[in-house]
Protein backbone atom coordinates (compact mmCIF):
# COMPACT_ATOMS: atom_id res chain seq x y z
CA MET A 1 2.65 27.30 -3.47
CA ALA A 2 0.42 25.98 -0.67
CA HIS A 3 0.31 22.46 -2.05
CA PRO A 4 4.00 21.57 -1.48
CA VAL A 5 3.71 22.64 2.17
CA GLN A 6 0.61 20.50 2.59
CA ASN A 7 2.41 17.53 1.02
CA ILE A 8 5.34 17.98 3.40
CA ASN A 9 2.92 18.04 6.35
CA HIS A 10 1.21 14.90 5.08
CA SER A 11 4.57 13.19 4.71
CA ALA A 12 5.51 14.14 8.26
CA PHE A 13 2.27 12.66 9.62
CA ARG A 14 2.73 9.51 7.53
CA SER A 15 6.32 8.98 8.60
CA MET A 16 5.34 9.51 12.24
CA PHE A 17 2.56 6.95 11.82
CA GLU A 18 4.65 4.41 9.93
CA ARG A 19 7.41 4.42 12.57
CA LYS A 20 5.16 3.17 15.35
CA LYS A 21 3.84 -0.23 14.28
CA LEU A 22 0.60 -1.70 15.58
CA SER A 23 1.54 -4.60 17.80
CA GLY A 24 -1.84 -5.34 19.37
CA ASN A 25 -1.29 -3.75 22.76
CA ASN A 26 -0.98 -0.23 21.36
CA PHE A 27 -4.18 -0.17 19.28
CA ASN A 28 -5.60 3.04 20.79
CA ASP A 29 -2.41 5.02 20.13
CA TRP A 30 -2.06 3.51 16.65
CA PHE A 31 -5.68 4.28 15.74
CA ARG A 32 -5.34 7.87 16.98
CA GLN A 33 -2.27 8.31 14.75
CA LEU A 34 -4.09 6.70 11.81
CA LYS A 35 -6.97 9.17 12.17
CA LEU A 36 -4.49 12.05 12.26
CA VAL A 37 -2.97 10.92 8.95
CA LEU A 38 -6.38 10.36 7.35
CA ARG A 39 -7.62 13.79 8.45
CA ALA A 40 -4.49 15.49 7.11
CA GLU A 41 -4.93 13.73 3.78
CA LYS A 42 -8.71 14.29 3.74
CA LYS A 43 -9.35 10.54 3.55
CA MET A 44 -11.32 9.87 6.75
CA PHE A 45 -14.00 8.33 4.54
CA ALA A 46 -11.74 5.29 4.22
CA ILE A 47 -12.54 4.24 7.79
CA GLU A 48 -15.96 5.86 8.15
CA GLN A 49 -17.82 4.28 5.25
CA PRO A 50 -17.46 1.25 3.00
CA LEU A 51 -16.33 1.48 -0.60
CA PRO A 52 -19.43 1.82 -2.78
CA ILE A 53 -20.29 -1.01 -5.13
CA ALA A 54 -18.51 -0.68 -8.47
CA PRO A 55 -20.61 0.86 -11.24
CA ASP A 56 -21.58 -1.25 -14.22
CA ALA A 57 -18.95 -1.49 -16.93
CA ASP A 58 -21.25 0.38 -19.33
CA SER A 59 -21.59 3.38 -16.97
CA ALA A 60 -20.49 6.83 -18.10
CA ALA A 61 -16.72 7.32 -18.26
CA ILE A 62 -16.81 10.02 -15.56
CA VAL A 63 -18.66 7.67 -13.17
CA LEU A 64 -16.11 4.93 -13.77
CA ALA A 65 -13.20 7.36 -13.34
CA GLU A 66 -14.63 8.70 -10.07
CA TRP A 67 -15.14 5.19 -8.68
CA ASN A 68 -11.63 4.14 -9.76
CA ALA A 69 -10.15 7.18 -7.99
CA LEU A 70 -12.13 6.30 -4.86
CA TYR A 71 -11.00 2.67 -5.10
CA ASP A 72 -7.38 3.82 -5.37
CA ALA A 73 -7.78 5.99 -2.25
CA TYR A 74 -9.26 3.09 -0.26
CA ASN A 75 -6.51 0.79 -1.49
CA GLU A 76 -3.80 3.30 -0.57
CA MET A 77 -5.19 3.61 2.96
CA ALA A 78 -5.47 -0.19 3.33
CA CYS A 79 -1.83 -0.54 2.31
CA LEU A 80 -0.84 2.20 4.75
CA MET A 81 -2.65 0.39 7.57
CA LEU A 82 -1.20 -3.01 6.72
CA GLY A 83 2.26 -1.55 6.35
CA SER A 84 2.05 -0.07 9.83
CA MET A 85 1.30 -3.41 11.54
CA THR A 86 3.74 -5.97 12.84
CA PRO A 87 4.05 -9.05 10.58
CA GLU A 88 2.27 -11.19 13.17
CA LEU A 89 -0.91 -9.13 12.76
CA HIS A 90 -0.90 -9.47 8.95
CA ARG A 91 -1.39 -13.20 9.09
């Protein structure tokens, strides 16, 4: 039963973060909120280290699956960050 509570907490952090858009002048506050969301979702790695190079196509299925899951996590966080910026900063 602990997982639904954690998901609710993550959603609360995300919604708090998504409401306050990065406009340029508020970077420090925005980045602090981003780190809060990433910590809650255990995805700080998305801003602390680059995505590893993709394994060769003939790598073991488990290696490919692990890298794909990591890629999805990085992509999700990139979308979260872009979605929390004003349109002017996207360009």
